[in-house]
Amino acid sequence: MGRAPSDLVKSYTGICVVTKGLLRIFLNALRLDVIIAGSPRHCVDEIDRLVKMGFTYFILQFMGRDRLKGIEIFAKEVMSVF
């Protein structure tokens, strides 16, 4: 009410799995729009696609047994691109 649509910001909330090598269990997840999963390059491409759609904030839940390593890779190789 009373706000211009251009004043609204879009946020993306989803699951993120980052790994140096693609995990077979996540190959099907790559087809879903709610999961960003794959190599750092693939994650960059997926986030770039969302940025081009107008998303400006990303709230990601990192999954997997080695999620701290995934967060480190994400910070160094994905976030640095943006």
C-alpha atoms as a PDB file:
ATOM      1  CA  MET A   1       0.000   0.000   0.000  1.00  0.00           C
ATOM      2  CA  GLY A   2       1.517   3.226  -1.098  1.00  0.00           C
ATOM      3  CA  ARG A   3       4.877   1.732  -2.161  1.00  0.00           C
ATOM      4  CA  ALA A   4       6.166   1.596  -5.673  1.00  0.00           C
ATOM      5  CA  PRO A   5       6.929  -1.944  -6.861  1.00  0.00           C
ATOM      6  CA  SER A   6      10.481  -0.810  -7.626  1.00  0.00           C
ATOM      7  CA  ASP A   7      10.984  -0.101  -3.897  1.00  0.00           C
ATOM      8  CA  LEU A   8      10.443  -3.753  -3.008  1.00  0.00           C
ATOM      9  CA  VAL A   9      13.416  -6.082  -2.660  1.00  0.00           C
ATOM     10  CA  LYS A  10      13.405  -9.793  -3.419  1.00  0.00           C
ATOM     11  CA  SER A  11      14.974 -12.303  -1.058  1.00  0.00           C
ATOM     12  CA  TYR A  12      15.872 -15.897  -1.892  1.00  0.00           C
ATOM     13  CA  THR A  13      15.758 -18.540   0.827  1.00  0.00           C
ATOM     14  CA  GLY A  14      16.990 -22.000  -0.012  1.00  0.00           C
ATOM     15  CA  ILE A  15      19.359 -24.863   0.550  1.00  0.00           C
ATOM     16  CA  CYS A  16      22.945 -24.616  -0.647  1.00  0.00           C
ATOM     17  CA  VAL A  17      25.436 -27.450  -1.121  1.00  0.00           C
ATOM     18  CA  VAL A  18      28.889 -26.528  -2.404  1.00  0.00           C
ATOM     19  CA  THR A  19      31.486 -29.134  -3.209  1.00  0.00           C
ATOM     20  CA  LYS A  20      34.615 -29.301  -5.344  1.00  0.00           C
ATOM     21  CA  GLY A  21      33.286 -32.447  -7.023  1.00  0.00           C
ATOM     22  CA  LEU A  22      29.613 -33.000  -7.795  1.00  0.00           C
ATOM     23  CA  LEU A  23      27.998 -35.476  -5.446  1.00  0.00           C
ATOM     24  CA  ARG A  24      25.807 -38.014  -7.216  1.00  0.00           C
ATOM     25  CA  ILE A  25      23.115 -37.726  -4.556  1.00  0.00           C
ATOM     26  CA  PHE A  26      22.635 -34.051  -5.410  1.00  0.00           C
ATOM     27  CA  LEU A  27      22.447 -34.386  -9.194  1.00  0.00           C
ATOM     28  CA  ASN A  28      18.656 -34.492  -9.078  1.00  0.00           C
ATOM     29  CA  ALA A  29      18.653 -31.501  -6.726  1.00  0.00           C
ATOM     30  CA  LEU A  30      20.303 -29.430  -9.435  1.00  0.00           C
ATOM     31  CA  ARG A  31      17.034 -29.587 -11.359  1.00  0.00           C
ATOM     32  CA  LEU A  32      15.078 -27.969  -8.517  1.00  0.00           C
ATOM     33  CA  ASP A  33      14.821 -24.198  -8.277  1.00  0.00           C
ATOM     34  CA  VAL A  34      14.887 -24.279  -4.477  1.00  0.00           C
ATOM     35  CA  ILE A  35      18.337 -25.852  -4.153  1.00  0.00           C
ATOM     36  CA  ILE A  36      21.671 -24.391  -5.204  1.00  0.00           C
ATOM     37  CA  ALA A  37      24.052 -27.327  -5.364  1.00  0.00           C
ATOM     38  CA  GLY A  38      27.222 -28.193  -7.192  1.00  0.00           C
ATOM     39  CA  SER A  39      30.654 -26.872  -7.910  1.00  0.00           C
ATOM     40  CA  PRO A  40      31.529 -23.280  -7.014  1.00  0.00           C
ATOM     41  CA  ARG A  41      31.184 -22.333 -10.713  1.00  0.00           C
ATOM     42  CA  HIS A  42      27.716 -23.887 -10.910  1.00  0.00           C
ATOM     43  CA  CYS A  43      26.658 -22.063  -7.720  1.00  0.00           C
ATOM     44  CA  VAL A  44      27.900 -18.763  -9.183  1.00  0.00           C
ATOM     45  CA  ASP A  45      25.856 -19.405 -12.322  1.00  0.00           C
ATOM     46  CA  GLU A  46      22.717 -20.243 -10.325  1.00  0.00           C
ATOM     47  CA  ILE A  47      23.026 -17.188  -8.082  1.00  0.00           C
ATOM     48  CA  ASP A  48      23.750 -14.993 -11.101  1.00  0.00           C
ATOM     49  CA  ARG A  49      20.535 -16.288 -12.694  1.00  0.00           C
ATOM     50  CA  LEU A  50      18.610 -15.293  -9.551  1.00  0.00           C
ATOM     51  CA  VAL A  51      20.314 -11.877  -9.413  1.00  0.00           C
ATOM     52  CA  LYS A  52      19.240 -11.267 -13.012  1.00  0.00           C
ATOM     53  CA  MET A  53      15.680 -12.090 -11.907  1.00  0.00           C
ATOM     54  CA  GLY A  54      15.928  -9.264  -9.353  1.00  0.00           C
ATOM     55  CA  PHE A  55      16.887 -11.049  -6.135  1.00  0.00           C
ATOM     56  CA  THR A  56      19.161  -8.942  -3.925  1.00  0.00           C
ATOM     57  CA  TYR A  57      19.319 -10.889  -0.647  1.00  0.00           C
ATOM     58  CA  PHE A  58      20.149 -14.567  -0.180  1.00  0.00           C
ATOM     59  CA  ILE A  59      19.440 -16.576   2.958  1.00  0.00           C
ATOM     60  CA  LEU A  60      21.067 -19.960   2.455  1.00  0.00           C
ATOM     61  CA  GLN A  61      21.011 -23.038   4.639  1.00  0.00           C
ATOM     62  CA  PHE A  62      24.122 -25.126   4.090  1.00  0.00           C
ATOM     63  CA  MET A  63      23.575 -28.865   4.223  1.00  0.00           C
ATOM     64  CA  GLY A  64      25.685 -31.975   4.466  1.00  0.00           C
ATOM     65  CA  ARG A  65      28.086 -33.564   6.871  1.00  0.00           C
ATOM     66  CA  ASP A  66      30.911 -31.295   5.694  1.00  0.00           C
ATOM     67  CA  ARG A  67      28.839 -28.086   5.609  1.00  0.00           C
ATOM     68  CA  LEU A  68      31.547 -25.957   7.248  1.00  0.00           C
ATOM     69  CA  LYS A  69      33.911 -26.797   4.393  1.00  0.00           C
ATOM     70  CA  GLY A  70      31.100 -25.906   1.976  1.00  0.00           C
ATOM     71  CA  ILE A  71      30.664 -22.552   3.708  1.00  0.00           C
ATOM     72  CA  GLU A  72      34.405 -21.892   3.403  1.00  0.00           C
ATOM     73  CA  ILE A  73      34.385 -22.747  -0.312  1.00  0.00           C
ATOM     74  CA  PHE A  74      31.265 -20.618  -0.806  1.00  0.00           C
ATOM     75  CA  ALA A  75      32.882 -17.625   0.908  1.00  0.00           C
ATOM     76  CA  LYS A  76      36.129 -17.890  -1.048  1.00  0.00           C
ATOM     77  CA  GLU A  77      34.937 -18.945  -4.492  1.00  0.00           C
ATOM     78  CA  VAL A  78      31.293 -17.904  -4.808  1.00  0.00           C
ATOM     79  CA  MET A  79      30.767 -14.764  -2.714  1.00  0.00           C
ATOM     80  CA  SER A  80      33.956 -13.214  -4.044  1.00  0.00           C
ATOM     81  CA  VAL A  81      32.435 -13.162  -7.541  1.00  0.00           C
ATOM     82  CA  PHE A  82      29.636 -10.878  -6.412  1.00  0.00           C
END
